[in-house]
Amino acid sequence: MDDRNMFLKEIDEVSFFLDDLRLYLDTHPLEEKALDLYQQKHQKRLELLKKYADKFEPLTCHCVDLSTNGSQAADTRCPGQKHWTWSDGPIPWEAAANNCHVSEGGV
């Protein structure tokens, strides 16, 4: 598994955990352990999203950093220029983002 897929897998896992924990907190809003755990996992997700954006491209529009490209010159549409990096790389569900190849005959 390459770095991109490892990052995406870890982001997916933390995001899924947070979704479950949010549902629990909807019915247990005063549960201190759950609140602490949510804060920890939320911070972890933010760190992972930033690392992913720094290494590849922004995964969400909230990860766009206008002061940097977030990817190597070969991977950006405007190398070395301040720009909206959201559209620089492949969208996560596109084949190019996941190193998937579709044969000419279909899926």
N, C-alpha and C. Protein backbone atom coordinates (compact mmCIF):
# COMPACT_ATOMS: atom_id res chain seq x y z
N MET A 1 0.85 -1.17 0.00
CA MET A 1 0.00 0.00 0.00
C MET A 1 0.90 1.24 0.00
N ASP A 2 0.64 2.18 -0.89
CA ASP A 2 1.46 3.39 -0.97
C ASP A 2 1.06 4.40 0.10
N ASP A 3 1.86 5.47 0.24
CA ASP A 3 1.63 6.48 1.26
C ASP A 3 0.24 7.11 1.15
N ARG A 4 -0.18 7.42 -0.07
CA ARG A 4 -1.49 8.06 -0.26
C ARG A 4 -2.60 7.18 0.29
N ASN A 5 -2.57 5.92 -0.05
CA ASN A 5 -3.62 5.01 0.40
C ASN A 5 -3.55 4.77 1.91
N MET A 6 -2.33 4.74 2.47
CA MET A 6 -2.20 4.58 3.92
C MET A 6 -2.80 5.78 4.64
N PHE A 7 -2.51 7.00 4.14
CA PHE A 7 -3.09 8.20 4.73
C PHE A 7 -4.62 8.16 4.64
N LEU A 8 -5.14 7.84 3.45
CA LEU A 8 -6.59 7.80 3.27
C LEU A 8 -7.25 6.77 4.18
N LYS A 9 -6.61 5.63 4.34
CA LYS A 9 -7.15 4.58 5.22
C LYS A 9 -7.21 5.07 6.66
N GLU A 10 -6.15 5.71 7.12
CA GLU A 10 -6.11 6.21 8.50
C GLU A 10 -7.13 7.34 8.70
N ILE A 11 -7.25 8.22 7.72
CA ILE A 11 -8.25 9.29 7.80
C ILE A 11 -9.66 8.70 7.83
N ASP A 12 -9.92 7.70 7.00
CA ASP A 12 -11.22 7.03 6.99
C ASP A 12 -11.54 6.40 8.34
N GLU A 13 -10.55 5.74 8.93
CA GLU A 13 -10.76 5.07 10.22
C GLU A 13 -11.09 6.07 11.32
N VAL A 14 -10.32 7.14 11.40
CA VAL A 14 -10.57 8.15 12.43
C VAL A 14 -11.91 8.84 12.18
N SER A 15 -12.23 9.11 10.92
CA SER A 15 -13.50 9.76 10.59
C SER A 15 -14.69 8.88 10.96
N PHE A 16 -14.59 7.58 10.68
CA PHE A 16 -15.65 6.64 11.03
C PHE A 16 -15.85 6.61 12.54
N PHE A 17 -14.73 6.55 13.27
CA PHE A 17 -14.78 6.55 14.74
C PHE A 17 -15.49 7.80 15.25
N LEU A 18 -15.13 8.96 14.68
CA LEU A 18 -15.76 10.22 15.09
C LEU A 18 -17.25 10.24 14.78
N ASP A 19 -17.64 9.68 13.64
CA ASP A 19 -19.07 9.61 13.30
C ASP A 19 -19.83 8.79 14.34
N ASP A 20 -19.28 7.65 14.71
CA ASP A 20 -19.91 6.81 15.73
C ASP A 20 -19.98 7.53 17.07
N LEU A 21 -18.88 8.16 17.43
CA LEU A 21 -18.82 8.87 18.71
C LEU A 21 -19.80 10.05 18.75
N ARG A 22 -19.98 10.72 17.62
CA ARG A 22 -20.96 11.82 17.56
C ARG A 22 -22.38 11.29 17.83
N LEU A 23 -22.69 10.13 17.28
CA LEU A 23 -24.00 9.53 17.53
C LEU A 23 -24.19 9.22 19.01
N TYR A 24 -23.15 8.69 19.64
CA TYR A 24 -23.20 8.40 21.07
C TYR A 24 -23.40 9.69 21.87
N LEU A 25 -22.65 10.73 21.51
CA LEU A 25 -22.75 12.00 22.23
C LEU A 25 -24.11 12.67 22.04
N ASP A 26 -24.79 12.37 20.95
CA ASP A 26 -26.13 12.90 20.75
C ASP A 26 -27.08 12.44 21.86
N THR A 27 -26.85 11.24 22.36
CA THR A 27 -27.72 10.69 23.41
C THR A 27 -27.07 10.73 24.79
N HIS A 28 -25.78 11.03 24.86
CA HIS A 28 -25.05 11.10 26.13
C HIS A 28 -24.18 12.37 26.15
N PRO A 29 -24.80 13.54 26.08
CA PRO A 29 -24.03 14.77 25.89
C PRO A 29 -23.14 15.18 27.05
N LEU A 30 -23.31 14.56 28.21
CA LEU A 30 -22.50 14.92 29.38
C LEU A 30 -21.42 13.89 29.70
N GLU A 31 -21.30 12.88 28.87
CA GLU A 31 -20.33 11.80 29.11
C GLU A 31 -18.91 12.33 28.94
N GLU A 32 -18.23 12.55 30.07
CA GLU A 32 -16.93 13.20 30.05
C GLU A 32 -15.86 12.41 29.29
N LYS A 33 -15.84 11.10 29.47
CA LYS A 33 -14.85 10.28 28.75
C LYS A 33 -15.06 10.36 27.24
N ALA A 34 -16.32 10.34 26.82
CA ALA A 34 -16.62 10.42 25.39
C ALA A 34 -16.25 11.80 24.84
N LEU A 35 -16.49 12.86 25.61
CA LEU A 35 -16.13 14.20 25.18
C LEU A 35 -14.61 14.34 25.02
N ASP A 36 -13.87 13.79 25.99
CA ASP A 36 -12.40 13.83 25.91
C ASP A 36 -11.90 13.03 24.71
N LEU A 37 -12.48 11.86 24.51
CA LEU A 37 -12.07 11.02 23.39
C LEU A 37 -12.39 11.69 22.06
N TYR A 38 -13.56 12.35 22.00
CA TYR A 38 -13.91 13.07 20.78
C TYR A 38 -12.88 14.15 20.47
N GLN A 39 -12.49 14.90 21.49
CA GLN A 39 -11.52 15.97 21.29
C GLN A 39 -10.19 15.42 20.79
N GLN A 40 -9.74 14.30 21.36
CA GLN A 40 -8.48 13.68 20.94
C GLN A 40 -8.55 13.21 19.49
N LYS A 41 -9.60 12.51 19.15
CA LYS A 41 -9.74 11.97 17.79
C LYS A 41 -9.97 13.08 16.76
N HIS A 42 -10.69 14.11 17.16
CA HIS A 42 -10.91 15.24 16.26
C HIS A 42 -9.57 15.92 15.95
N GLN A 43 -8.74 16.11 16.96
CA GLN A 43 -7.43 16.71 16.75
C GLN A 43 -6.57 15.81 15.85
N LYS A 44 -6.64 14.50 16.07
CA LYS A 44 -5.89 13.55 15.25
C LYS A 44 -6.32 13.65 13.79
N ARG A 45 -7.62 13.76 13.54
CA ARG A 45 -8.13 13.87 12.17
C ARG A 45 -7.63 15.15 11.51
N LEU A 46 -7.65 16.25 12.25
CA LEU A 46 -7.15 17.51 11.70
C LEU A 46 -5.67 17.41 11.33
N GLU A 47 -4.89 16.76 12.19
CA GLU A 47 -3.46 16.57 11.91
C GLU A 47 -3.26 15.72 10.66
N LEU A 48 -4.02 14.63 10.54
CA LEU A 48 -3.91 13.76 9.37
C LEU A 48 -4.30 14.50 8.09
N LEU A 49 -5.37 15.28 8.14
CA LEU A 49 -5.79 16.04 6.97
C LEU A 49 -4.72 17.04 6.55
N LYS A 50 -4.08 17.69 7.52
CA LYS A 50 -3.02 18.64 7.20
C LYS A 50 -1.82 17.93 6.59
N LYS A 51 -1.42 16.81 7.18
CA LYS A 51 -0.29 16.05 6.63
C LYS A 51 -0.58 15.58 5.21
N TYR A 52 -1.79 15.10 4.98
CA TYR A 52 -2.18 14.65 3.64
C TYR A 52 -2.11 15.81 2.66
N ALA A 53 -2.66 16.96 3.05
CA ALA A 53 -2.66 18.14 2.17
C ALA A 53 -1.23 18.60 1.89
N ASP A 54 -0.37 18.55 2.89
CA ASP A 54 1.02 18.97 2.70
C ASP A 54 1.76 18.03 1.75
N LYS A 55 1.46 16.75 1.85
CA LYS A 55 2.18 15.77 1.03
C LYS A 55 1.57 15.59 -0.36
N PHE A 56 0.27 15.69 -0.48
CA PHE A 56 -0.40 15.44 -1.76
C PHE A 56 -1.16 16.68 -2.22
N GLU A 57 -2.43 16.77 -1.85
CA GLU A 57 -3.27 17.90 -2.17
C GLU A 57 -4.37 17.96 -1.12
N PRO A 58 -5.08 19.06 -1.03
CA PRO A 58 -6.14 19.16 -0.02
C PRO A 58 -7.21 18.08 -0.24
N LEU A 59 -7.58 17.42 0.84
CA LEU A 59 -8.60 16.38 0.75
C LEU A 59 -9.99 16.99 0.90
N THR A 60 -10.08 18.07 1.64
CA THR A 60 -11.33 18.81 1.77
C THR A 60 -11.04 20.28 1.49
N CYS A 61 -12.05 21.03 1.19
CA CYS A 61 -11.84 22.46 0.92
C CYS A 61 -11.33 23.19 2.16
N HIS A 62 -11.53 22.63 3.34
CA HIS A 62 -11.07 23.24 4.57
C HIS A 62 -9.56 23.05 4.77
N CYS A 63 -8.93 22.24 3.93
CA CYS A 63 -7.50 21.98 4.03
C CYS A 63 -6.68 22.85 3.08
N VAL A 64 -7.32 23.70 2.32
CA VAL A 64 -6.61 24.53 1.36
C VAL A 64 -5.77 25.57 2.11
N ASP A 65 -4.49 25.64 1.74
CA ASP A 65 -3.57 26.63 2.31
C ASP A 65 -3.10 27.51 1.16
N LEU A 66 -3.58 28.73 1.11
CA LEU A 66 -3.27 29.61 -0.02
C LEU A 66 -1.82 30.04 -0.07
N SER A 67 -1.09 29.88 1.02
CA SER A 67 0.30 30.33 1.02
C SER A 67 1.26 29.29 0.44
N THR A 68 0.80 28.07 0.24
CA THR A 68 1.65 27.02 -0.33
C THR A 68 0.88 26.23 -1.36
N ASN A 69 1.60 25.52 -2.19
CA ASN A 69 0.95 24.65 -3.16
C ASN A 69 0.51 23.34 -2.53
N GLY A 70 1.25 22.86 -1.55
CA GLY A 70 0.90 21.61 -0.89
C GLY A 70 1.31 20.38 -1.68
N SER A 71 1.90 20.57 -2.83
CA SER A 71 2.36 19.42 -3.61
C SER A 71 3.54 19.85 -4.47
N GLN A 72 4.22 18.89 -5.03
CA GLN A 72 5.39 19.19 -5.84
C GLN A 72 5.00 19.89 -7.13
N ALA A 73 5.94 20.60 -7.70
CA ALA A 73 5.68 21.41 -8.90
C ALA A 73 5.03 20.60 -10.02
N ALA A 74 5.43 19.35 -10.18
CA ALA A 74 4.89 18.53 -11.26
C ALA A 74 3.41 18.20 -11.02
N ASP A 75 2.96 18.31 -9.77
CA ASP A 75 1.59 17.93 -9.44
C ASP A 75 0.63 19.10 -9.34
N THR A 76 1.10 20.31 -9.56
CA THR A 76 0.25 21.47 -9.38
C THR A 76 0.02 22.20 -10.69
N ARG A 77 -1.08 22.88 -10.78
CA ARG A 77 -1.41 23.63 -11.99
C ARG A 77 -0.68 24.98 -12.03
N CYS A 78 -0.26 25.46 -10.87
CA CYS A 78 0.38 26.78 -10.78
C CYS A 78 1.62 26.68 -9.89
N PRO A 79 2.67 25.98 -10.34
CA PRO A 79 3.83 25.78 -9.47
C PRO A 79 4.45 27.09 -9.01
N GLY A 80 4.73 27.14 -7.70
CA GLY A 80 5.40 28.29 -7.12
C GLY A 80 4.53 29.53 -6.97
N GLN A 81 3.23 29.42 -7.24
CA GLN A 81 2.34 30.58 -7.14
C GLN A 81 1.27 30.35 -6.09
N LYS A 82 0.89 31.41 -5.41
CA LYS A 82 -0.22 31.35 -4.49
C LYS A 82 -1.50 31.14 -5.30
N HIS A 83 -2.24 30.08 -4.98
CA HIS A 83 -3.44 29.77 -5.75
C HIS A 83 -4.38 28.85 -4.96
N TRP A 84 -5.55 28.67 -5.48
CA TRP A 84 -6.55 27.78 -4.89
C TRP A 84 -6.16 26.35 -5.24
N THR A 85 -5.61 25.62 -4.27
CA THR A 85 -5.04 24.30 -4.52
C THR A 85 -6.07 23.17 -4.55
N TRP A 86 -7.31 23.47 -4.25
CA TRP A 86 -8.35 22.43 -4.17
C TRP A 86 -8.41 21.56 -5.43
N SER A 87 -8.18 22.14 -6.59
CA SER A 87 -8.32 21.37 -7.83
C SER A 87 -6.98 20.87 -8.39
N ASP A 88 -5.91 20.92 -7.61
CA ASP A 88 -4.60 20.49 -8.10
C ASP A 88 -4.51 18.99 -8.38
N GLY A 89 -4.93 18.19 -7.46
CA GLY A 89 -4.73 16.75 -7.58
C GLY A 89 -5.99 16.00 -7.95
N PRO A 90 -5.87 14.68 -8.04
CA PRO A 90 -7.06 13.87 -8.36
C PRO A 90 -8.04 13.88 -7.19
N ILE A 91 -9.30 13.83 -7.51
CA ILE A 91 -10.33 13.75 -6.48
C ILE A 91 -10.26 12.33 -5.90
N PRO A 92 -10.41 12.17 -4.57
CA PRO A 92 -10.19 10.86 -3.94
C PRO A 92 -10.97 9.70 -4.55
N TRP A 93 -12.14 9.95 -5.13
CA TRP A 93 -12.91 8.85 -5.70
C TRP A 93 -12.55 8.57 -7.16
N GLU A 94 -11.64 9.36 -7.73
CA GLU A 94 -11.19 9.09 -9.09
C GLU A 94 -10.15 7.98 -9.09
N ALA A 95 -10.06 7.24 -10.15
CA ALA A 95 -9.12 6.13 -10.26
C ALA A 95 -7.69 6.58 -10.04
N ALA A 96 -7.31 7.74 -10.56
CA ALA A 96 -5.93 8.22 -10.43
C ALA A 96 -5.51 8.41 -8.98
N ALA A 97 -6.45 8.78 -8.12
CA ALA A 97 -6.14 8.99 -6.71
C ALA A 97 -5.87 7.68 -5.98
N ASN A 98 -6.40 6.60 -6.50
CA ASN A 98 -6.31 5.32 -5.82
C ASN A 98 -5.47 4.31 -6.58
N ASN A 99 -4.76 4.78 -7.59
CA ASN A 99 -3.92 3.90 -8.42
C ASN A 99 -4.73 2.74 -9.00
N CYS A 100 -5.98 2.98 -9.31
CA CYS A 100 -6.84 1.97 -9.92
C CYS A 100 -6.80 2.15 -11.44
N HIS A 101 -6.88 1.06 -12.12
CA HIS A 101 -6.90 1.12 -13.57
C HIS A 101 -8.12 0.37 -14.08
N VAL A 102 -8.88 1.01 -14.93
CA VAL A 102 -10.07 0.40 -15.51
C VAL A 102 -9.70 -0.07 -16.90
N SER A 103 -10.00 -1.32 -17.20
CA SER A 103 -9.69 -1.85 -18.53
C SER A 103 -10.64 -1.24 -19.55
N GLU A 104 -10.27 -1.36 -20.82
CA GLU A 104 -11.09 -0.79 -21.88
C GLU A 104 -12.46 -1.42 -21.93
N GLY A 105 -12.58 -2.65 -21.49
CA GLY A 105 -13.85 -3.36 -21.55
C GLY A 105 -14.81 -3.00 -20.42
N GLY A 106 -14.39 -2.13 -19.51
CA GLY A 106 -15.26 -1.75 -18.39
C GLY A 106 -14.53 -1.98 -17.08
N VAL A 107 -15.32 -2.05 -16.04
CA VAL A 107 -14.78 -2.18 -14.68
C VAL A 107 -14.15 -3.51 -14.44
